[in-house]
N, C-alpha and C. Protein backbone atom coordinates (compact mmCIF):
# COMPACT_ATOMS: atom_id res chain seq x y z
N MET A 1 52.89 142.98 136.87
CA MET A 1 53.78 142.08 137.56
C MET A 1 53.56 140.66 137.08
N GLY A 2 52.33 140.35 136.72
CA GLY A 2 52.02 139.01 136.22
C GLY A 2 52.78 138.70 134.96
N SER A 3 52.94 139.70 134.11
CA SER A 3 53.65 139.51 132.86
C SER A 3 55.13 139.24 133.13
N PHE A 4 55.70 139.96 134.11
CA PHE A 4 57.11 139.77 134.48
C PHE A 4 57.32 138.37 135.02
N ASN A 5 56.40 137.94 135.92
CA ASN A 5 56.51 136.59 136.49
C ASN A 5 56.39 135.53 135.40
N SER A 6 55.51 135.77 134.46
CA SER A 6 55.36 134.83 133.35
C SER A 6 56.64 134.77 132.53
N SER A 7 57.24 135.94 132.32
CA SER A 7 58.49 135.99 131.55
C SER A 7 59.61 135.27 132.29
N VAL A 8 59.71 135.47 133.61
CA VAL A 8 60.74 134.80 134.41
C VAL A 8 60.50 133.30 134.37
N HIS A 9 59.24 132.91 134.51
CA HIS A 9 58.90 131.48 134.47
C HIS A 9 59.28 130.89 133.11
N LEU A 10 58.97 131.59 132.04
CA LEU A 10 59.31 131.14 130.69
C LEU A 10 60.83 131.05 130.51
N LEU A 11 61.53 132.04 131.08
CA LEU A 11 63.00 132.05 131.02
C LEU A 11 63.56 130.82 131.72
N ARG A 12 63.03 130.50 132.90
CA ARG A 12 63.50 129.32 133.65
C ARG A 12 63.22 128.03 132.88
N LEU A 13 62.01 127.95 132.31
CA LEU A 13 61.67 126.77 131.51
C LEU A 13 62.63 126.63 130.32
N THR A 14 62.92 127.75 129.68
CA THR A 14 63.84 127.74 128.54
C THR A 14 65.24 127.33 129.00
N GLU A 15 65.69 127.87 130.13
CA GLU A 15 67.01 127.51 130.65
C GLU A 15 67.07 126.02 131.00
N GLU A 16 65.97 125.49 131.58
CA GLU A 16 65.92 124.06 131.91
C GLU A 16 66.01 123.22 130.64
N GLN A 17 65.27 123.64 129.62
CA GLN A 17 65.30 122.92 128.34
C GLN A 17 66.70 122.96 127.72
N ILE A 18 67.33 124.14 127.79
CA ILE A 18 68.69 124.28 127.25
C ILE A 18 69.65 123.39 128.03
N ALA A 19 69.48 123.35 129.36
CA ALA A 19 70.34 122.49 130.20
C ALA A 19 70.13 121.02 129.83
N LYS A 20 68.85 120.61 129.65
CA LYS A 20 68.56 119.23 129.25
C LYS A 20 69.17 118.93 127.88
N TYR A 21 69.00 119.90 126.96
CA TYR A 21 69.54 119.73 125.62
C TYR A 21 71.07 119.59 125.67
N ASN A 22 71.74 120.47 126.44
CA ASN A 22 73.20 120.42 126.58
C ASN A 22 73.65 119.11 127.21
N SER A 23 72.88 118.65 128.20
CA SER A 23 73.20 117.37 128.85
C SER A 23 73.07 116.23 127.85
N ALA A 24 71.98 116.23 127.09
CA ALA A 24 71.77 115.19 126.08
C ALA A 24 72.86 115.26 125.01
N LEU A 25 73.23 116.47 124.62
CA LEU A 25 74.29 116.67 123.63
C LEU A 25 75.63 116.15 124.15
N ASN A 26 75.93 116.44 125.39
CA ASN A 26 77.18 115.94 125.99
C ASN A 26 77.18 114.42 126.08
N GLN A 27 76.04 113.85 126.45
CA GLN A 27 75.93 112.38 126.50
C GLN A 27 76.14 111.78 125.11
N ALA A 28 75.55 112.44 124.11
CA ALA A 28 75.71 111.96 122.73
C ALA A 28 77.17 112.06 122.30
N ARG A 29 77.84 113.14 122.67
CA ARG A 29 79.27 113.30 122.34
C ARG A 29 80.10 112.21 123.02
N ILE A 30 79.79 111.95 124.28
CA ILE A 30 80.52 110.91 125.02
C ILE A 30 80.32 109.55 124.36
N GLN A 31 79.06 109.26 124.00
CA GLN A 31 78.76 107.98 123.33
C GLN A 31 79.45 107.90 121.98
N ALA A 32 79.39 108.98 121.22
CA ALA A 32 80.02 109.00 119.89
C ALA A 32 81.53 108.80 120.02
N LYS A 33 82.14 109.46 121.00
CA LYS A 33 83.59 109.31 121.22
C LYS A 33 83.92 107.87 121.59
N LYS A 34 83.10 107.26 122.44
CA LYS A 34 83.33 105.88 122.84
C LYS A 34 83.20 104.95 121.64
N ILE A 35 82.18 105.17 120.82
CA ILE A 35 81.99 104.34 119.62
C ILE A 35 83.18 104.49 118.68
N ILE A 36 83.62 105.72 118.47
CA ILE A 36 84.77 105.97 117.59
C ILE A 36 86.03 105.35 118.17
N ASP A 37 86.25 105.52 119.47
CA ASP A 37 87.43 104.93 120.11
C ASP A 37 87.41 103.41 120.00
N ASP A 38 86.24 102.81 120.23
CA ASP A 38 86.12 101.35 120.09
C ASP A 38 86.39 100.91 118.66
N ALA A 39 85.84 101.65 117.71
CA ALA A 39 86.06 101.30 116.29
C ALA A 39 87.54 101.43 115.93
N LEU A 40 88.18 102.49 116.40
CA LEU A 40 89.61 102.67 116.13
C LEU A 40 90.44 101.57 116.78
N ALA A 41 90.06 101.17 117.97
CA ALA A 41 90.77 100.07 118.64
C ALA A 41 90.61 98.77 117.85
N GLN A 42 89.39 98.53 117.35
CA GLN A 42 89.16 97.32 116.54
C GLN A 42 89.97 97.37 115.25
N VAL A 43 90.01 98.54 114.62
CA VAL A 43 90.79 98.69 113.39
C VAL A 43 92.27 98.44 113.69
N GLU A 44 92.77 98.98 114.77
CA GLU A 44 94.17 98.78 115.15
C GLU A 44 94.45 97.30 115.43
N GLU A 45 93.52 96.65 116.11
CA GLU A 45 93.68 95.22 116.39
C GLU A 45 93.69 94.41 115.09
N MET A 46 92.78 94.75 114.18
CA MET A 46 92.75 94.06 112.89
C MET A 46 94.04 94.31 112.10
N ARG A 47 94.52 95.55 112.14
CA ARG A 47 95.77 95.88 111.45
C ARG A 47 96.92 95.07 112.01
N ALA A 48 96.98 94.98 113.34
CA ALA A 48 98.04 94.20 113.99
C ALA A 48 97.93 92.72 113.61
N ASN A 49 96.70 92.20 113.58
CA ASN A 49 96.50 90.80 113.20
C ASN A 49 96.93 90.55 111.76
N VAL A 50 96.55 91.45 110.87
CA VAL A 50 96.95 91.32 109.46
C VAL A 50 98.47 91.40 109.35
N GLN A 51 99.08 92.32 110.09
CA GLN A 51 100.54 92.46 110.07
C GLN A 51 101.20 91.17 110.54
N ASN A 52 100.67 90.58 111.61
CA ASN A 52 101.22 89.32 112.11
C ASN A 52 101.07 88.20 111.09
N ILE A 53 99.91 88.14 110.46
CA ILE A 53 99.68 87.11 109.43
C ILE A 53 100.66 87.29 108.28
N LEU A 54 100.82 88.54 107.84
CA LEU A 54 101.75 88.81 106.73
C LEU A 54 103.18 88.46 107.11
N GLU A 55 103.57 88.78 108.35
CA GLU A 55 104.92 88.45 108.80
C GLU A 55 105.14 86.95 108.84
N GLU A 56 104.12 86.21 109.32
CA GLU A 56 104.22 84.75 109.37
C GLU A 56 104.33 84.17 107.96
N GLU A 57 103.50 84.68 107.05
CA GLU A 57 103.55 84.22 105.66
C GLU A 57 104.91 84.54 105.04
N ASP A 58 105.42 85.73 105.36
CA ASP A 58 106.73 86.13 104.84
C ASP A 58 107.82 85.19 105.36
N LYS A 59 107.74 84.84 106.65
CA LYS A 59 108.72 83.91 107.22
C LYS A 59 108.64 82.55 106.54
N LYS A 60 107.41 82.07 106.32
CA LYS A 60 107.24 80.78 105.65
C LYS A 60 107.83 80.81 104.25
N LYS A 61 107.52 81.89 103.51
CA LYS A 61 108.03 81.99 102.15
C LYS A 61 109.55 82.11 102.15
N SER A 62 110.09 82.87 103.09
CA SER A 62 111.55 83.02 103.18
C SER A 62 112.21 81.68 103.46
N LYS A 63 111.63 80.91 104.38
CA LYS A 63 112.19 79.59 104.68
C LYS A 63 112.11 78.67 103.47
N LEU A 64 111.00 78.73 102.75
CA LEU A 64 110.85 77.91 101.56
C LEU A 64 111.88 78.31 100.50
N ILE A 65 112.06 79.61 100.31
CA ILE A 65 113.04 80.09 99.34
C ILE A 65 114.44 79.66 99.75
N GLU A 66 114.78 79.81 101.04
CA GLU A 66 116.09 79.39 101.52
C GLU A 66 116.30 77.90 101.27
N LYS A 67 115.26 77.11 101.52
CA LYS A 67 115.35 75.67 101.31
C LYS A 67 115.59 75.35 99.84
N LYS A 68 114.81 76.01 98.97
CA LYS A 68 114.94 75.77 97.53
C LYS A 68 116.33 76.20 97.03
N VAL A 69 116.82 77.33 97.52
CA VAL A 69 118.16 77.79 97.12
C VAL A 69 119.21 76.79 97.59
N ALA A 70 119.08 76.31 98.82
CA ALA A 70 120.03 75.33 99.34
C ALA A 70 119.99 74.04 98.52
N GLU A 71 118.78 73.59 98.18
CA GLU A 71 118.64 72.38 97.36
C GLU A 71 119.27 72.59 95.98
N PHE A 72 118.99 73.74 95.38
CA PHE A 72 119.53 74.06 94.06
C PHE A 72 121.05 74.10 94.12
N LYS A 73 121.56 74.80 95.12
CA LYS A 73 123.01 74.94 95.28
C LYS A 73 123.65 73.58 95.50
N SER A 74 123.03 72.78 96.35
CA SER A 74 123.56 71.45 96.65
C SER A 74 123.56 70.58 95.40
N GLU A 75 122.46 70.61 94.67
CA GLU A 75 122.35 69.79 93.46
C GLU A 75 123.42 70.17 92.44
N TYR A 76 123.56 71.46 92.20
CA TYR A 76 124.51 71.88 91.18
C TYR A 76 125.95 71.85 91.68
N THR A 77 126.17 72.01 92.95
CA THR A 77 127.51 71.87 93.50
C THR A 77 127.98 70.43 93.33
N ASP A 78 127.10 69.49 93.61
CA ASP A 78 127.45 68.08 93.43
C ASP A 78 127.77 67.78 91.97
N GLN A 79 126.97 68.35 91.07
CA GLN A 79 127.23 68.13 89.64
C GLN A 79 128.56 68.75 89.23
N LEU A 80 128.83 69.97 89.74
CA LEU A 80 130.10 70.62 89.42
C LEU A 80 131.28 69.84 89.97
N LYS A 81 131.14 69.31 91.18
CA LYS A 81 132.21 68.50 91.76
C LYS A 81 132.48 67.27 90.90
N GLN A 82 131.40 66.62 90.46
CA GLN A 82 131.55 65.42 89.63
C GLN A 82 132.22 65.77 88.30
N MET A 83 131.80 66.89 87.70
CA MET A 83 132.42 67.31 86.44
C MET A 83 133.89 67.64 86.64
N ALA A 84 134.20 68.37 87.71
CA ALA A 84 135.59 68.74 87.99
C ALA A 84 136.44 67.49 88.24
N THR A 85 135.87 66.53 88.95
CA THR A 85 136.58 65.27 89.21
C THR A 85 136.85 64.54 87.89
N SER A 86 135.86 64.47 87.04
CA SER A 86 136.02 63.79 85.75
C SER A 86 137.08 64.48 84.90
N ILE A 87 137.03 65.80 84.85
CA ILE A 87 138.02 66.56 84.06
C ILE A 87 139.42 66.35 84.62
N ALA A 88 139.53 66.43 85.96
CA ALA A 88 140.84 66.23 86.59
C ALA A 88 141.39 64.84 86.30
N LEU A 89 140.53 63.83 86.33
CA LEU A 89 140.97 62.46 86.02
C LEU A 89 141.47 62.36 84.58
N ILE A 90 140.74 62.97 83.66
CA ILE A 90 141.15 62.94 82.25
C ILE A 90 142.52 63.60 82.08
N TYR A 91 142.68 64.80 82.66
CA TYR A 91 143.95 65.50 82.52
C TYR A 91 145.09 64.74 83.20
N TYR A 92 144.83 64.21 84.37
CA TYR A 92 145.88 63.47 85.08
C TYR A 92 146.34 62.28 84.23
N THR A 93 145.37 61.56 83.70
CA THR A 93 145.69 60.38 82.89
C THR A 93 146.48 60.78 81.65
N LYS A 94 146.09 61.86 80.98
CA LYS A 94 146.78 62.30 79.76
C LYS A 94 148.17 62.83 80.08
N LEU A 95 148.30 63.58 81.18
CA LEU A 95 149.58 64.19 81.51
C LEU A 95 150.59 63.18 82.06
N THR A 96 150.11 62.21 82.82
CA THR A 96 151.05 61.28 83.48
C THR A 96 151.08 59.92 82.82
N ASN A 97 150.19 59.69 81.91
CA ASN A 97 150.08 58.38 81.27
C ASN A 97 149.87 57.27 82.30
N SER A 98 149.26 57.62 83.41
CA SER A 98 148.92 56.62 84.43
C SER A 98 147.56 56.97 85.01
N GLU A 99 147.03 56.04 85.76
CA GLU A 99 145.71 56.26 86.34
C GLU A 99 145.83 56.53 87.83
N ILE A 100 144.84 57.22 88.34
CA ILE A 100 144.78 57.51 89.78
C ILE A 100 143.36 57.21 90.22
N GLU A 101 143.19 56.93 91.48
CA GLU A 101 141.85 56.60 91.98
C GLU A 101 140.95 57.83 91.96
N GLU A 102 139.76 57.61 91.48
CA GLU A 102 138.78 58.70 91.38
C GLU A 102 138.47 59.29 92.75
N GLU A 103 138.45 58.45 93.76
CA GLU A 103 138.14 58.91 95.12
C GLU A 103 139.17 59.93 95.61
N PHE A 104 140.44 59.72 95.27
CA PHE A 104 141.50 60.65 95.67
C PHE A 104 141.27 62.02 95.02
N ILE A 105 140.99 62.01 93.71
CA ILE A 105 140.72 63.26 92.99
C ILE A 105 139.46 63.92 93.53
N ALA A 106 138.43 63.13 93.80
CA ALA A 106 137.16 63.67 94.32
C ALA A 106 137.39 64.36 95.66
N ASP A 107 138.24 63.80 96.51
CA ASP A 107 138.56 64.44 97.80
C ASP A 107 139.26 65.78 97.58
N LEU A 108 140.20 65.81 96.63
CA LEU A 108 140.90 67.07 96.33
C LEU A 108 139.93 68.13 95.80
N VAL A 109 139.05 67.70 94.91
CA VAL A 109 138.06 68.63 94.34
C VAL A 109 137.12 69.14 95.43
N SER A 110 136.68 68.26 96.32
CA SER A 110 135.76 68.65 97.40
C SER A 110 136.37 69.71 98.30
N LYS A 111 137.68 69.64 98.51
CA LYS A 111 138.35 70.64 99.36
C LYS A 111 138.30 72.02 98.73
N GLU A 112 138.24 72.07 97.41
CA GLU A 112 138.19 73.36 96.70
C GLU A 112 136.80 73.99 96.75
N PHE A 113 135.78 73.20 96.96
CA PHE A 113 134.41 73.72 96.99
C PHE A 113 134.09 74.10 98.38
């Protein structure tokens, strides 16, 4: 009977150790999951921050490009208007053998642009 009691006692000790081991394992899993979840949250936050930075930079570059295009268009539109006005004045003078005010022709040309 002593051997049986020893075996039962050993079985209980083993079961207690297994329970402690399982508890420690579960705690480790919980901690690992928390660490992974925190890391994933940080990665997502960093991704969102980078996305916001890129969007802001994109907006800045788009505004700069729009400004440069507008400046370019304005500069060359003014030059084209001046050239068209000069050409119109030359043709008017040659066709009518008279002169007309440049301002009048410039107004007509501006309406076409």
